[in-house]
Amino acid sequence: MAEAMTIEKLQQIISRGPFNQWLNFTILKIDADGIEIKATWREEWVVNPERRYTHGGILAAIVDVAADYAIAAQLGRPVPTIDIRVDYHKAAMPGDLIAKAKVVRSGSQYSTAEAYVYDKEGALVASGRGTYFTAPPKV
């Protein structure tokens, strides 16, 4: 079992990857219910210049990273994604996004986590569930 995860430690871990740096994640909360992270909005997320909504791939990435790091908060390390499903609920317009994620099942080989992404008004824009490979890395 990993030592108790702090916001600062999880922020340090999530900020190591260049893609996560580009999405500009900030860990807002860690507790028994899971984690909460913020993705700071970027103009490059816009897929349709006239309508200005965020590309679904960005939303899927936020779901995946949030679910992964809910597991990382327990294990002390991020883990590879095996499978993920994402549902889109409404267009995400410009503005920071908040993801809330929790571990649904924690196993020695595989774990499942889910995440919900909300816009600046608090409306659900995307949600998803992923399966992650949680076996210890081979040394």
Protein backbone atom coordinates (compact mmCIF):
# COMPACT_ATOMS: atom_id res chain seq x y z
CA MET A 1 0.00 0.00 0.00
CA ALA A 2 1.33 3.40 -0.95
CA GLU A 3 1.85 6.08 1.67
CA ALA A 4 -0.96 8.60 2.05
CA MET A 5 -1.19 10.70 -1.07
CA THR A 6 -1.23 14.47 -0.71
CA ILE A 7 -2.48 17.02 -3.22
CA GLU A 8 1.10 18.26 -3.63
CA LYS A 9 2.51 14.79 -4.30
CA LEU A 10 -0.23 13.90 -6.82
CA GLN A 11 0.26 17.29 -8.51
CA GLN A 12 3.95 16.51 -8.86
CA ILE A 13 3.20 13.09 -10.41
CA ILE A 14 0.53 14.35 -12.85
CA SER A 15 2.75 17.25 -13.95
CA ARG A 16 5.60 15.01 -15.10
CA GLY A 17 4.03 14.16 -18.47
CA PRO A 18 4.21 16.72 -21.28
CA PHE A 19 0.63 15.97 -22.40
CA ASN A 20 -0.66 16.52 -18.87
CA GLN A 21 1.36 19.74 -18.72
CA TRP A 22 -0.29 20.88 -21.96
CA LEU A 23 -3.75 20.14 -20.52
CA ASN A 24 -2.58 22.12 -17.46
CA PHE A 25 -4.09 19.91 -14.76
CA THR A 26 -4.40 21.17 -11.21
CA ILE A 27 -5.28 18.73 -8.44
CA LEU A 28 -8.02 20.37 -6.37
CA LYS A 29 -9.00 17.63 -3.94
CA ILE A 30 -8.17 14.11 -2.76
CA ASP A 31 -10.39 12.29 -0.27
CA ALA A 32 -12.07 8.93 0.36
CA ASP A 33 -14.54 9.69 -2.47
CA GLY A 34 -11.80 10.16 -5.08
CA ILE A 35 -10.11 13.15 -6.67
CA GLU A 36 -11.08 16.40 -8.29
CA ILE A 37 -8.92 18.06 -10.95
CA LYS A 38 -9.13 21.17 -13.08
CA ALA A 39 -8.10 21.34 -16.74
CA THR A 40 -7.38 24.94 -17.69
CA TRP A 41 -9.10 25.79 -20.97
CA ARG A 42 -7.02 26.40 -24.10
CA GLU A 43 -8.00 27.91 -27.43
CA GLU A 44 -6.45 24.88 -29.17
CA TRP A 45 -9.28 22.70 -27.79
CA VAL A 46 -11.82 24.35 -30.13
CA VAL A 47 -12.89 22.05 -32.96
CA ASN A 48 -15.47 24.31 -34.64
CA PRO A 49 -14.43 27.99 -34.84
CA GLU A 50 -18.00 29.18 -35.44
CA ARG A 51 -19.57 27.24 -32.54
CA ARG A 52 -16.41 27.20 -30.33
CA TYR A 53 -17.02 23.90 -28.56
CA THR A 54 -14.26 21.64 -27.25
CA HIS A 55 -13.15 18.62 -29.28
CA GLY A 56 -14.43 15.30 -27.91
CA GLY A 57 -10.91 13.89 -27.87
CA ILE A 58 -9.93 16.48 -25.29
CA LEU A 59 -12.91 15.51 -23.14
CA ALA A 60 -12.01 11.82 -23.50
CA ALA A 61 -8.43 12.57 -22.48
CA ILE A 62 -9.64 14.43 -19.37
CA VAL A 63 -11.90 11.49 -18.44
CA ASP A 64 -9.01 9.06 -18.93
CA VAL A 65 -6.44 11.08 -16.99
CA ALA A 66 -8.83 11.82 -14.12
CA ALA A 67 -9.81 8.15 -13.76
CA ASP A 68 -6.15 7.06 -14.01
CA TYR A 69 -5.07 9.52 -11.33
CA ALA A 70 -7.87 8.46 -8.99
CA ILE A 71 -6.09 5.10 -9.07
CA ALA A 72 -2.68 6.78 -8.84
CA ALA A 73 -3.83 8.52 -5.65
CA GLN A 74 -4.20 5.04 -4.13
CA LEU A 75 -1.19 3.29 -5.71
CA GLY A 76 1.28 6.17 -5.78
CA ARG A 77 1.77 5.85 -9.56
CA PRO A 78 -0.26 6.26 -12.76
CA VAL A 79 -1.17 3.07 -14.62
CA PRO A 80 -1.77 2.11 -18.27
CA THR A 81 -5.29 2.27 -19.69
CA ILE A 82 -6.64 -1.02 -21.01
CA ASP A 83 -10.10 0.10 -22.08
CA ILE A 84 -12.18 3.24 -21.76
CA ARG A 85 -15.69 4.30 -22.65
CA VAL A 86 -16.72 7.95 -22.84
CA ASP A 87 -20.21 9.43 -23.08
CA TYR A 88 -20.77 13.01 -24.21
CA HIS A 89 -23.67 14.86 -22.57
CA LYS A 90 -23.44 18.38 -24.02
CA ALA A 91 -21.00 20.63 -25.85
CA ALA A 92 -18.20 21.96 -23.67
CA MET A 93 -17.89 25.64 -24.42
CA PRO A 94 -14.77 27.74 -23.62
CA GLY A 95 -13.86 27.67 -19.96
CA ASP A 96 -11.98 25.55 -17.47
CA LEU A 97 -13.29 22.04 -16.90
CA ILE A 98 -13.52 20.16 -13.60
CA ALA A 99 -13.23 16.39 -13.48
CA LYS A 100 -14.32 14.30 -10.51
CA ALA A 101 -13.06 10.73 -10.50
CA LYS A 102 -13.26 7.72 -8.23
CA VAL A 103 -12.07 4.13 -8.12
CA VAL A 104 -14.94 1.71 -8.63
CA ARG A 105 -12.95 -1.50 -8.19
CA SER A 106 -9.39 -1.87 -7.03
CA GLY A 107 -7.67 -5.12 -7.97
CA SER A 108 -4.16 -6.55 -7.92
CA GLN A 109 -4.06 -6.87 -11.74
CA TYR A 110 -6.85 -4.61 -13.02
CA SER A 111 -8.80 -1.72 -11.55
CA THR A 112 -11.80 0.26 -12.75
CA ALA A 113 -12.36 3.98 -12.27
CA GLU A 114 -14.91 6.48 -13.51
CA ALA A 115 -14.80 10.21 -14.12
CA TYR A 116 -17.29 13.01 -14.70
CA VAL A 117 -16.34 16.26 -16.44
CA TYR A 118 -18.20 19.50 -15.69
CA ASP A 119 -18.11 22.89 -17.40
CA LYS A 120 -17.71 26.27 -15.70
CA GLU A 121 -21.45 26.38 -14.95
CA GLY A 122 -21.29 22.96 -13.29
CA ALA A 123 -23.13 21.13 -16.11
CA LEU A 124 -22.03 17.58 -16.93
CA VAL A 125 -20.35 17.57 -20.36
CA ALA A 126 -18.78 14.09 -20.43
CA SER A 127 -18.41 10.98 -18.31
CA GLY A 128 -16.67 7.68 -18.64
CA ARG A 129 -15.31 4.53 -17.11
CA GLY A 130 -11.96 2.87 -17.72
CA THR A 131 -10.14 -0.32 -16.90
CA TYR A 132 -6.50 0.07 -15.94
CA PHE A 133 -3.58 -2.35 -15.57
CA THR A 134 -2.59 -2.07 -11.91
CA ALA A 135 -0.17 -5.01 -11.52
CA PRO A 136 3.16 -3.90 -10.07
CA PRO A 137 5.71 -2.97 -12.73
CA LYS A 138 8.34 -5.62 -13.50
CA VAL A 139 11.74 -4.51 -12.35
